[in-house]
């Protein structure tokens, strides 16, 4: 686990083909120093590569169109 800090000392890179995330030190890290990454400006874990979801109104409209026999 990494804590959030905008002045991170660990960076990460996604490999979408192999479905892995690689973490590496952004600089020399002292023994006992906390490892920190930036969660982003909105502090979200949303998958940046995921397709955009339709707005909630559209989802409701789509569900209302389902006919159950």
C-alpha atoms as a PDB file:
ATOM      1  CA  UNK A   1       0.000   0.000   0.000  1.00  0.00           C
ATOM      2  CA  UNK A   2       1.112   3.515  -0.749  1.00  0.00           C
ATOM      3  CA  UNK A   3      -0.121   6.686   0.882  1.00  0.00           C
ATOM      4  CA  UNK A   4      -1.209   9.667  -1.197  1.00  0.00           C
ATOM      5  CA  UNK A   5       1.007  12.688  -1.556  1.00  0.00           C
ATOM      6  CA  UNK A   6       1.355  15.056  -4.497  1.00  0.00           C
ATOM      7  CA  UNK A   7       5.127  15.113  -3.851  1.00  0.00           C
ATOM      8  CA  UNK A   8       5.372  11.380  -4.531  1.00  0.00           C
ATOM      9  CA  UNK A   9       8.549   9.346  -4.300  1.00  0.00           C
ATOM     10  CA  UNK A  10       7.092   6.343  -6.176  1.00  0.00           C
ATOM     11  CA  UNK A  11       5.723   6.425  -9.717  1.00  0.00           C
ATOM     12  CA  UNK A  12       3.732   3.807 -11.588  1.00  0.00           C
ATOM     13  CA  UNK A  13       3.178   2.683 -15.140  1.00  0.00           C
ATOM     14  CA  UNK A  14       0.333   0.581 -16.551  1.00  0.00           C
ATOM     15  CA  UNK A  15       0.938  -2.173 -19.058  1.00  0.00           C
ATOM     16  CA  UNK A  16      -2.523  -2.713 -20.533  1.00  0.00           C
ATOM     17  CA  UNK A  17      -1.365  -5.576 -22.751  1.00  0.00           C
ATOM     18  CA  UNK A  18      -0.015  -7.651 -19.840  1.00  0.00           C
ATOM     19  CA  UNK A  19      -2.570  -6.223 -17.352  1.00  0.00           C
ATOM     20  CA  UNK A  20       0.032  -5.226 -14.785  1.00  0.00           C
ATOM     21  CA  UNK A  21       1.113  -2.081 -12.994  1.00  0.00           C
ATOM     22  CA  UNK A  22       4.807  -1.514 -12.346  1.00  0.00           C
ATOM     23  CA  UNK A  23       5.907   0.707  -9.452  1.00  0.00           C
ATOM     24  CA  UNK A  24       9.387   2.212  -9.196  1.00  0.00           C
ATOM     25  CA  UNK A  25      11.183   4.744  -7.058  1.00  0.00           C
ATOM     26  CA  UNK A  26      11.109   8.257  -8.510  1.00  0.00           C
ATOM     27  CA  UNK A  27      14.256   9.131  -6.544  1.00  0.00           C
ATOM     28  CA  UNK A  28      16.514   7.675  -3.872  1.00  0.00           C
ATOM     29  CA  UNK A  29      14.402   6.709  -0.860  1.00  0.00           C
ATOM     30  CA  UNK A  30      15.865   6.756   2.628  1.00  0.00           C
ATOM     31  CA  UNK A  31      15.492   3.739   4.928  1.00  0.00           C
ATOM     32  CA  UNK A  32      12.270   4.117   6.915  1.00  0.00           C
ATOM     33  CA  UNK A  33      10.860   6.789   4.585  1.00  0.00           C
ATOM     34  CA  UNK A  34       7.169   6.404   3.756  1.00  0.00           C
ATOM     35  CA  UNK A  35       6.356   5.362   0.177  1.00  0.00           C
ATOM     36  CA  UNK A  36       3.899   7.777  -1.455  1.00  0.00           C
ATOM     37  CA  UNK A  37       2.163   7.979  -4.821  1.00  0.00           C
ATOM     38  CA  UNK A  38      -0.221  10.576  -6.158  1.00  0.00           C
ATOM     39  CA  UNK A  39      -3.760   9.238  -6.495  1.00  0.00           C
ATOM     40  CA  UNK A  40      -4.442  12.085  -8.902  1.00  0.00           C
ATOM     41  CA  UNK A  41      -6.034  15.466  -8.494  1.00  0.00           C
ATOM     42  CA  UNK A  42      -9.483  13.999  -7.792  1.00  0.00           C
ATOM     43  CA  UNK A  43      -8.330  11.193  -5.483  1.00  0.00           C
ATOM     44  CA  UNK A  44     -10.117   8.573  -7.516  1.00  0.00           C
ATOM     45  CA  UNK A  45      -9.331   5.032  -8.499  1.00  0.00           C
ATOM     46  CA  UNK A  46     -11.379   5.214 -11.715  1.00  0.00           C
ATOM     47  CA  UNK A  47      -9.785   3.172 -14.472  1.00  0.00           C
ATOM     48  CA  UNK A  48      -8.529   5.779 -16.941  1.00  0.00           C
ATOM     49  CA  UNK A  49      -8.574   3.206 -19.758  1.00  0.00           C
ATOM     50  CA  UNK A  50     -12.127   2.024 -19.138  1.00  0.00           C
ATOM     51  CA  UNK A  51     -14.747   3.078 -21.682  1.00  0.00           C
ATOM     52  CA  UNK A  52     -16.838   6.060 -20.667  1.00  0.00           C
ATOM     53  CA  UNK A  53     -20.128   5.038 -19.110  1.00  0.00           C
ATOM     54  CA  UNK A  54     -23.354   6.615 -20.315  1.00  0.00           C
ATOM     55  CA  UNK A  55     -24.883   9.224 -18.012  1.00  0.00           C
ATOM     56  CA  UNK A  56     -27.293   7.759 -15.416  1.00  0.00           C
ATOM     57  CA  UNK A  57     -30.344   9.105 -17.290  1.00  0.00           C
ATOM     58  CA  UNK A  58     -29.317   7.134 -20.368  1.00  0.00           C
ATOM     59  CA  UNK A  59     -28.849   3.964 -18.321  1.00  0.00           C
ATOM     60  CA  UNK A  60     -32.359   4.314 -16.880  1.00  0.00           C
ATOM     61  CA  UNK A  61     -33.776   4.879 -20.360  1.00  0.00           C
ATOM     62  CA  UNK A  62     -31.990   1.763 -21.613  1.00  0.00           C
ATOM     63  CA  UNK A  63     -33.295  -0.309 -18.700  1.00  0.00           C
ATOM     64  CA  UNK A  64     -36.833   0.950 -19.295  1.00  0.00           C
ATOM     65  CA  UNK A  65     -36.629  -0.341 -22.872  1.00  0.00           C
ATOM     66  CA  UNK A  66     -36.003  -3.935 -21.758  1.00  0.00           C
ATOM     67  CA  UNK A  67     -39.050  -6.050 -22.359  1.00  0.00           C
ATOM     68  CA  UNK A  68     -39.564  -9.085 -20.175  1.00  0.00           C
ATOM     69  CA  UNK A  69     -41.733 -11.796 -21.689  1.00  0.00           C
END
